[in-house]
Each structure stands twice: as C-alpha cells, then as structure tokens.
Amino acid sequence: MFIDDMLASHYYEGKIEAGCDEAGRGCLAGSVYAAAVILPDDYQNDLLNDSKQLTEKRRYQLREIIQRDAIAWAVGIVTPEEIDKINILNASILAMHRALDQLKIRPEAIIVDGNRFKPYQQIPHTTIVKGDGKYLSIAAASILAKTYRDDYMNHLAEEYPQYDWLSNKGYPTKKHREAIKQYGITPYHRKSYNLLGDGQLSFDF
C-alpha cells in the first residue's frame, strides 16, 4: 500500500474524535448494529479499510487489534421492532447514538460514514460519504459493527436455519426470499420492509 492510499487518522485536528458506522441497514431481518471508535492520535494501521473490502478472516483479526489499540470503543443496537416503528434511517442513527452513549471517554467531535446524522449532545459532527474508506476510526467502526452483527446473525441462524442466515446475514438474497415465501417470517424479520421484493408488504401483520 502506497502512503497516498493510507486512511487518514483524523478529520478534526486537535480533538478527541469518534468515528461511527453501521451494519445491517439493508437487511430484511435482524437488528441494525453500529459502532463508535476513538483511536489514539496519529494512529496508523495500513490493514484497516472499509469492512466490505476485507475478508471475513481479516475482519475478525482486525477486531481484536482495534479493541486492543482503541482509546475507547462501543457497539449500539436497535431491534427489528424499533426499526419498524421509527424506520431504518432513524434506527441507524439511533444505533450510532447508543454506541456513543457507551464510550468511556466523551468525544469532542464525531465523524460518520454516509450523509445523514442527527446532532449528538451538542458535539460537532461531520458526515463523510464512503468515510469507511477514508478515515481510520470510521473503518474501525465499520469492522466492529459488521463482525458483531455477523456474530448475532450466526446465533439466530441456529434457531432458524431455513433462511440461510449463516451465508446471507439477513440480506435479501434469492434463497432468503424463497424461504420467506415457504416458511413465512420470524420474530426477527423487519415487517416494514418489502420482504418478498415484489413492491408490496407481503404479509398481514
């Protein structure tokens, strides 16, 4: 990796900065997870990247490194029931707020992957499109959110093996939607979503 390709350590200079990202926003089933991570000043790790660009094995290796090296980190969760009540955008932001709530150190600034966020405790924030490929703390948050959500979906897959959650993690794959057609939905499905992909809410709730 060339030096020009390395992710930046901070957006705000001279502030304790938390990076935030979520995982599971596009899923048909399961909670949405988010993480907040504060890394040391001038932290460097050229293996960190957007979790979607990493292998599963590398993500779990990096999770251990992030948790060891971070000044503070936390994971926030919003349930399918909450998602159905407040919609997935609000749920994703709430999950990030819940992660921030749990940080043992209060950040002085927040950077967020994407383009939508709501103010958190009057702390300055900036949204950054594709920020998980630009800033180390957002990349770290993407890895924690993804791996902890994968752990959760793997656990649910033991209870409901017919939906292939070990492979799809709740995303709308063909096999997942065929299983919904055959078996119906579980308590973990997001009832406000177009579960069958036909443009309709497909079940009477």
C-alpha atoms as a PDB file:
ATOM      1  CA  MET A   1       0.000   0.000   0.000  1.00  0.00           C
ATOM      2  CA  PHE A   2       1.364   3.376  -1.001  1.00  0.00           C
ATOM      3  CA  ILE A   3       1.421   6.161   1.548  1.00  0.00           C
ATOM      4  CA  ASP A   4      -1.112   8.146  -0.528  1.00  0.00           C
ATOM      5  CA  ASP A   5      -3.586   5.277  -0.160  1.00  0.00           C
ATOM      6  CA  MET A   6      -3.432   5.156   3.619  1.00  0.00           C
ATOM      7  CA  LEU A   7      -6.520   6.200   5.554  1.00  0.00           C
ATOM      8  CA  ALA A   8      -6.376   9.497   7.444  1.00  0.00           C
ATOM      9  CA  SER A   9      -6.122   9.399  11.224  1.00  0.00           C
ATOM     10  CA  HIS A  10      -8.388  12.394  11.925  1.00  0.00           C
ATOM     11  CA  TYR A  11     -10.767  14.861  10.291  1.00  0.00           C
ATOM     12  CA  TYR A  12     -10.811  17.358  13.169  1.00  0.00           C
ATOM     13  CA  GLU A  13      -7.363  18.490  14.242  1.00  0.00           C
ATOM     14  CA  GLY A  14      -6.570  18.505  17.935  1.00  0.00           C
ATOM     15  CA  LYS A  15      -9.862  16.986  19.110  1.00  0.00           C
ATOM     16  CA  ILE A  16     -10.809  13.644  20.634  1.00  0.00           C
ATOM     17  CA  GLU A  17     -12.645  12.253  17.632  1.00  0.00           C
ATOM     18  CA  ALA A  18     -15.020   9.287  17.426  1.00  0.00           C
ATOM     19  CA  GLY A  19     -15.678   7.526  14.126  1.00  0.00           C
ATOM     20  CA  CYS A  20     -19.095   5.896  13.623  1.00  0.00           C
ATOM     21  CA  ASP A  21     -20.539   3.408  11.160  1.00  0.00           C
ATOM     22  CA  GLU A  22     -23.415   0.935  10.993  1.00  0.00           C
ATOM     23  CA  ALA A  23     -24.031  -2.549   9.627  1.00  0.00           C
ATOM     24  CA  GLY A  24     -27.219  -4.267   8.539  1.00  0.00           C
ATOM     25  CA  ARG A  25     -29.191  -1.337   7.220  1.00  0.00           C
ATOM     26  CA  GLY A  26     -30.279  -3.167   4.054  1.00  0.00           C
ATOM     27  CA  CYS A  27     -31.151  -6.462   5.746  1.00  0.00           C
ATOM     28  CA  LEU A  28     -34.629  -7.965   5.837  1.00  0.00           C
ATOM     29  CA  ALA A  29     -34.057  -9.481   9.259  1.00  0.00           C
ATOM     30  CA  GLY A  30     -32.187  -8.769  12.447  1.00  0.00           C
ATOM     31  CA  SER A  31     -31.148  -5.718  14.416  1.00  0.00           C
ATOM     32  CA  VAL A  32     -29.055  -2.912  12.981  1.00  0.00           C
ATOM     33  CA  TYR A  33     -25.670  -2.550  14.678  1.00  0.00           C
ATOM     34  CA  ALA A  34     -23.409   0.488  14.909  1.00  0.00           C
ATOM     35  CA  ALA A  35     -20.025   1.129  16.454  1.00  0.00           C
ATOM     36  CA  ALA A  36     -18.149   4.176  17.703  1.00  0.00           C
ATOM     37  CA  VAL A  37     -14.351   4.124  17.952  1.00  0.00           C
ATOM     38  CA  ILE A  38     -11.817   6.599  19.318  1.00  0.00           C
ATOM     39  CA  LEU A  39      -8.276   5.837  18.162  1.00  0.00           C
ATOM     40  CA  PRO A  40      -5.041   7.324  19.532  1.00  0.00           C
ATOM     41  CA  ASP A  41      -3.607  10.472  17.958  1.00  0.00           C
ATOM     42  CA  ASP A  42      -1.507   9.707  14.880  1.00  0.00           C
ATOM     43  CA  TYR A  43      -2.656   6.080  14.925  1.00  0.00           C
ATOM     44  CA  GLN A  44      -1.530   4.067  11.923  1.00  0.00           C
ATOM     45  CA  ASN A  45      -2.633   0.670  10.676  1.00  0.00           C
ATOM     46  CA  ASP A  46      -2.399   0.115   6.935  1.00  0.00           C
ATOM     47  CA  LEU A  47      -4.583  -3.018   7.166  1.00  0.00           C
ATOM     48  CA  LEU A  48      -7.653  -1.050   8.217  1.00  0.00           C
ATOM     49  CA  ASN A  49     -10.197  -0.460   5.475  1.00  0.00           C
ATOM     50  CA  ASP A  50     -13.908  -0.439   4.780  1.00  0.00           C
ATOM     51  CA  SER A  51     -15.140  -3.764   6.199  1.00  0.00           C
ATOM     52  CA  LYS A  52     -16.773  -4.645   2.860  1.00  0.00           C
ATOM     53  CA  GLN A  53     -13.317  -4.668   1.241  1.00  0.00           C
ATOM     54  CA  LEU A  54     -11.929  -7.208   3.733  1.00  0.00           C
ATOM     55  CA  THR A  55     -12.241 -10.961   4.036  1.00  0.00           C
ATOM     56  CA  GLU A  56     -14.182 -12.357   6.976  1.00  0.00           C
ATOM     57  CA  LYS A  57     -10.968 -13.715   8.496  1.00  0.00           C
ATOM     58  CA  ARG A  58      -9.239 -10.342   8.219  1.00  0.00           C
ATOM     59  CA  ARG A  59     -12.215  -8.524   9.757  1.00  0.00           C
ATOM     60  CA  TYR A  60     -12.086 -10.704  12.859  1.00  0.00           C
ATOM     61  CA  GLN A  61      -8.316 -10.346  13.130  1.00  0.00           C
ATOM     62  CA  LEU A  62      -8.667  -6.577  12.930  1.00  0.00           C
ATOM     63  CA  ARG A  63     -11.469  -6.566  15.504  1.00  0.00           C
ATOM     64  CA  GLU A  64      -9.037  -7.861  18.093  1.00  0.00           C
ATOM     65  CA  ILE A  65      -6.444  -5.248  17.104  1.00  0.00           C
ATOM     66  CA  ILE A  66      -8.974  -2.409  17.183  1.00  0.00           C
ATOM     67  CA  GLN A  67     -10.257  -3.392  20.603  1.00  0.00           C
ATOM     68  CA  ARG A  68      -6.700  -3.594  21.900  1.00  0.00           C
ATOM     69  CA  ASP A  69      -5.500  -0.322  20.399  1.00  0.00           C
ATOM     70  CA  ALA A  70      -8.545   1.954  20.679  1.00  0.00           C
ATOM     71  CA  ILE A  71      -8.762   4.530  23.430  1.00  0.00           C
ATOM     72  CA  ALA A  72     -12.475   3.714  23.567  1.00  0.00           C
ATOM     73  CA  TRP A  73     -14.957   1.677  21.551  1.00  0.00           C
ATOM     74  CA  ALA A  74     -18.576   0.600  21.859  1.00  0.00           C
ATOM     75  CA  VAL A  75     -21.373  -1.058  19.902  1.00  0.00           C
ATOM     76  CA  GLY A  76     -25.006   0.081  19.777  1.00  0.00           C
ATOM     77  CA  ILE A  77     -28.015  -1.984  18.701  1.00  0.00           C
ATOM     78  CA  VAL A  78     -31.543  -1.180  17.501  1.00  0.00           C
ATOM     79  CA  THR A  79     -34.023  -4.053  17.271  1.00  0.00           C
ATOM     80  CA  PRO A  80     -36.288  -5.018  14.353  1.00  0.00           C
ATOM     81  CA  GLU A  81     -39.304  -3.872  16.388  1.00  0.00           C
ATOM     82  CA  GLU A  82     -37.742  -0.447  16.819  1.00  0.00           C
ATOM     83  CA  ILE A  83     -36.787  -0.308  13.135  1.00  0.00           C
ATOM     84  CA  ASP A  84     -40.420  -0.941  12.170  1.00  0.00           C
ATOM     85  CA  LYS A  85     -41.560   1.899  14.438  1.00  0.00           C
ATOM     86  CA  ILE A  86     -39.034   4.598  13.535  1.00  0.00           C
ATOM     87  CA  ASN A  87     -37.693   3.491  10.085  1.00  0.00           C
ATOM     88  CA  ILE A  88     -34.219   2.265   9.240  1.00  0.00           C
ATOM     89  CA  LEU A  89     -32.593   5.662   8.765  1.00  0.00           C
ATOM     90  CA  ASN A  90     -33.623   6.815  12.227  1.00  0.00           C
ATOM     91  CA  ALA A  91     -32.726   3.385  13.617  1.00  0.00           C
ATOM     92  CA  SER A  92     -29.231   3.522  12.117  1.00  0.00           C
ATOM     93  CA  ILE A  93     -28.625   6.940  13.655  1.00  0.00           C
ATOM     94  CA  LEU A  94     -30.071   5.788  16.988  1.00  0.00           C
ATOM     95  CA  ALA A  95     -27.717   2.788  16.968  1.00  0.00           C
ATOM     96  CA  MET A  96     -24.763   5.176  16.489  1.00  0.00           C
ATOM     97  CA  HIS A  97     -26.032   7.379  19.331  1.00  0.00           C
ATOM     98  CA  ARG A  98     -26.307   4.307  21.561  1.00  0.00           C
ATOM     99  CA  ALA A  99     -22.735   3.373  20.726  1.00  0.00           C
ATOM    100  CA  LEU A 100     -21.586   6.904  21.543  1.00  0.00           C
ATOM    101  CA  ASP A 101     -23.520   6.729  24.834  1.00  0.00           C
ATOM    102  CA  GLN A 102     -21.367   3.800  25.929  1.00  0.00           C
ATOM    103  CA  LEU A 103     -17.937   5.289  25.194  1.00  0.00           C
ATOM    104  CA  LYS A 104     -15.880   5.558  28.363  1.00  0.00           C
ATOM    105  CA  ILE A 105     -14.337   8.767  27.008  1.00  0.00           C
ATOM    106  CA  ARG A 106     -16.507  11.637  25.784  1.00  0.00           C
ATOM    107  CA  PRO A 107     -15.547  12.627  22.236  1.00  0.00           C
ATOM    108  CA  GLU A 108     -15.041  16.251  21.265  1.00  0.00           C
ATOM    109  CA  ALA A 109     -16.001  15.601  17.634  1.00  0.00           C
ATOM    110  CA  ILE A 110     -17.741  12.873  15.641  1.00  0.00           C
ATOM    111  CA  ILE A 111     -17.239  11.679  12.069  1.00  0.00           C
ATOM    112  CA  VAL A 112     -19.870   9.455  10.489  1.00  0.00           C
ATOM    113  CA  ASP A 113     -19.923   7.273   7.387  1.00  0.00           C
ATOM    114  CA  GLY A 114     -22.598   8.361   4.927  1.00  0.00           C
ATOM    115  CA  ASN A 115     -24.539  11.586   4.533  1.00  0.00           C
ATOM    116  CA  ARG A 116     -27.151  11.527   7.323  1.00  0.00           C
ATOM    117  CA  PHE A 117     -26.812  12.007  11.051  1.00  0.00           C
ATOM    118  CA  LYS A 118     -28.586  13.807  13.881  1.00  0.00           C
ATOM    119  CA  PRO A 119     -26.794  16.027  16.400  1.00  0.00           C
ATOM    120  CA  TYR A 120     -25.464  14.212  19.427  1.00  0.00           C
ATOM    121  CA  GLN A 121     -25.136  16.113  22.730  1.00  0.00           C
ATOM    122  CA  GLN A 122     -24.061  19.337  21.002  1.00  0.00           C
ATOM    123  CA  ILE A 123     -20.823  17.674  19.873  1.00  0.00           C
ATOM    124  CA  PRO A 124     -19.715  18.834  16.401  1.00  0.00           C
ATOM    125  CA  HIS A 125     -20.094  16.185  13.729  1.00  0.00           C
ATOM    126  CA  THR A 126     -19.325  15.684  10.055  1.00  0.00           C
ATOM    127  CA  THR A 127     -20.828  13.115   7.685  1.00  0.00           C
ATOM    128  CA  ILE A 128     -18.434  11.679   5.104  1.00  0.00           C
ATOM    129  CA  VAL A 129     -19.638   9.683   2.103  1.00  0.00           C
ATOM    130  CA  LYS A 130     -17.562   6.490   1.854  1.00  0.00           C
ATOM    131  CA  GLY A 131     -15.838   7.588   5.035  1.00  0.00           C
ATOM    132  CA  ASP A 132     -15.083   3.974   5.936  1.00  0.00           C
ATOM    133  CA  GLY A 133     -12.559   4.028   3.104  1.00  0.00           C
ATOM    134  CA  LYS A 134     -11.090   7.392   4.087  1.00  0.00           C
ATOM    135  CA  TYR A 135     -10.708   7.592   7.884  1.00  0.00           C
ATOM    136  CA  LEU A 136      -9.247   5.004  10.229  1.00  0.00           C
ATOM    137  CA  SER A 137     -11.780   5.442  13.034  1.00  0.00           C
ATOM    138  CA  ILE A 138     -14.746   5.020  10.668  1.00  0.00           C
ATOM    139  CA  ALA A 139     -13.106   1.953   9.105  1.00  0.00           C
ATOM    140  CA  ALA A 140     -12.564   0.552  12.594  1.00  0.00           C
ATOM    141  CA  ALA A 141     -16.206   1.236  13.473  1.00  0.00           C
ATOM    142  CA  SER A 142     -17.342  -0.491  10.272  1.00  0.00           C
ATOM    143  CA  ILE A 143     -15.360  -3.595  11.223  1.00  0.00           C
ATOM    144  CA  LEU A 144     -16.737  -3.748  14.761  1.00  0.00           C
ATOM    145  CA  ALA A 145     -20.318  -3.172  13.633  1.00  0.00           C
ATOM    146  CA  LYS A 146     -20.042  -5.789  10.886  1.00  0.00           C
ATOM    147  CA  THR A 147     -18.390  -8.512  12.964  1.00  0.00           C
ATOM    148  CA  TYR A 148     -20.643  -8.107  15.999  1.00  0.00           C
ATOM    149  CA  ARG A 149     -23.708  -8.138  13.778  1.00  0.00           C
ATOM    150  CA  ASP A 150     -22.410 -11.244  11.976  1.00  0.00           C
ATOM    151  CA  ASP A 151     -21.978 -12.969  15.347  1.00  0.00           C
ATOM    152  CA  TYR A 152     -25.581 -12.098  16.187  1.00  0.00           C
ATOM    153  CA  MET A 153     -26.948 -13.354  12.845  1.00  0.00           C
ATOM    154  CA  ASN A 154     -24.923 -16.562  13.137  1.00  0.00           C
ATOM    155  CA  HIS A 155     -26.592 -17.126  16.501  1.00  0.00           C
ATOM    156  CA  LEU A 156     -30.061 -16.512  15.035  1.00  0.00           C
ATOM    157  CA  ALA A 157     -29.247 -18.917  12.198  1.00  0.00           C
ATOM    158  CA  GLU A 158     -29.025 -21.736  14.740  1.00  0.00           C
ATOM    159  CA  GLU A 159     -32.636 -21.022  15.697  1.00  0.00           C
ATOM    160  CA  TYR A 160     -33.869 -20.504  12.119  1.00  0.00           C
ATOM    161  CA  PRO A 161     -31.556 -22.446   9.770  1.00  0.00           C
ATOM    162  CA  GLN A 162     -34.003 -22.450   6.849  1.00  0.00           C
ATOM    163  CA  TYR A 163     -33.313 -18.782   5.983  1.00  0.00           C
ATOM    164  CA  ASP A 164     -29.596 -19.325   5.245  1.00  0.00           C
ATOM    165  CA  TRP A 165     -28.560 -16.523   7.606  1.00  0.00           C
ATOM    166  CA  LEU A 166     -25.139 -18.093   8.070  1.00  0.00           C
ATOM    167  CA  SER A 167     -24.469 -17.083   4.471  1.00  0.00           C
ATOM    168  CA  ASN A 168     -26.647 -14.028   3.813  1.00  0.00           C
ATOM    169  CA  LYS A 169     -26.675 -12.478   7.332  1.00  0.00           C
ATOM    170  CA  GLY A 170     -30.250 -11.342   6.717  1.00  0.00           C
ATOM    171  CA  TYR A 171     -29.689  -9.573   3.408  1.00  0.00           C
ATOM    172  CA  PRO A 172     -32.281 -10.036   0.627  1.00  0.00           C
ATOM    173  CA  THR A 173     -30.744 -12.921  -1.276  1.00  0.00           C
ATOM    174  CA  LYS A 174     -32.850 -15.128  -3.529  1.00  0.00           C
ATOM    175  CA  LYS A 175     -32.574 -18.029  -1.073  1.00  0.00           C
ATOM    176  CA  HIS A 176     -33.651 -15.827   1.830  1.00  0.00           C
ATOM    177  CA  ARG A 177     -36.724 -14.555  -0.012  1.00  0.00           C
ATOM    178  CA  GLU A 178     -37.665 -18.048  -1.184  1.00  0.00           C
ATOM    179  CA  ALA A 179     -37.532 -19.210   2.433  1.00  0.00           C
ATOM    180  CA  ILE A 180     -39.828 -16.340   3.458  1.00  0.00           C
ATOM    181  CA  LYS A 181     -42.302 -17.453   0.770  1.00  0.00           C
ATOM    182  CA  GLN A 182     -42.151 -21.047   2.002  1.00  0.00           C
ATOM    183  CA  TYR A 183     -41.956 -20.620   5.776  1.00  0.00           C
ATOM    184  CA  GLY A 184     -43.281 -17.130   6.429  1.00  0.00           C
ATOM    185  CA  ILE A 185     -41.481 -14.712   8.712  1.00  0.00           C
ATOM    186  CA  THR A 186     -39.766 -14.927  12.086  1.00  0.00           C
ATOM    187  CA  PRO A 187     -39.915 -12.521  15.032  1.00  0.00           C
ATOM    188  CA  TYR A 188     -36.618 -11.115  13.706  1.00  0.00           C
ATOM    189  CA  HIS A 189     -37.888 -10.031  10.291  1.00  0.00           C
ATOM    190  CA  ARG A 190     -38.466  -6.324   9.672  1.00  0.00           C
ATOM    191  CA  LYS A 191     -42.185  -6.148   8.975  1.00  0.00           C
ATOM    192  CA  SER A 192     -41.988  -2.661   7.464  1.00  0.00           C
ATOM    193  CA  TYR A 193     -39.719  -3.937   4.669  1.00  0.00           C
ATOM    194  CA  ASN A 194     -40.729  -5.263   1.256  1.00  0.00           C
ATOM    195  CA  LEU A 195     -39.771  -8.770   2.290  1.00  0.00           C
ATOM    196  CA  LEU A 196     -40.545 -10.568  -0.978  1.00  0.00           C
ATOM    197  CA  GLY A 197     -39.145  -7.907  -3.292  1.00  0.00           C
ATOM    198  CA  ASP A 198     -42.422  -7.530  -5.141  1.00  0.00           C
ATOM    199  CA  GLY A 199     -43.102  -3.927  -4.202  1.00  0.00           C
ATOM    200  CA  GLN A 200     -45.702  -4.880  -1.615  1.00  0.00           C
ATOM    201  CA  LEU A 201     -45.773  -5.519   2.096  1.00  0.00           C
ATOM    202  CA  SER A 202     -46.439  -9.181   1.660  1.00  0.00           C
ATOM    203  CA  PHE A 203     -47.910 -10.304   4.971  1.00  0.00           C
ATOM    204  CA  ASP A 204     -50.854  -9.394   7.139  1.00  0.00           C
ATOM    205  CA  PHE A 205     -49.437  -8.303  10.448  1.00  0.00           C
END
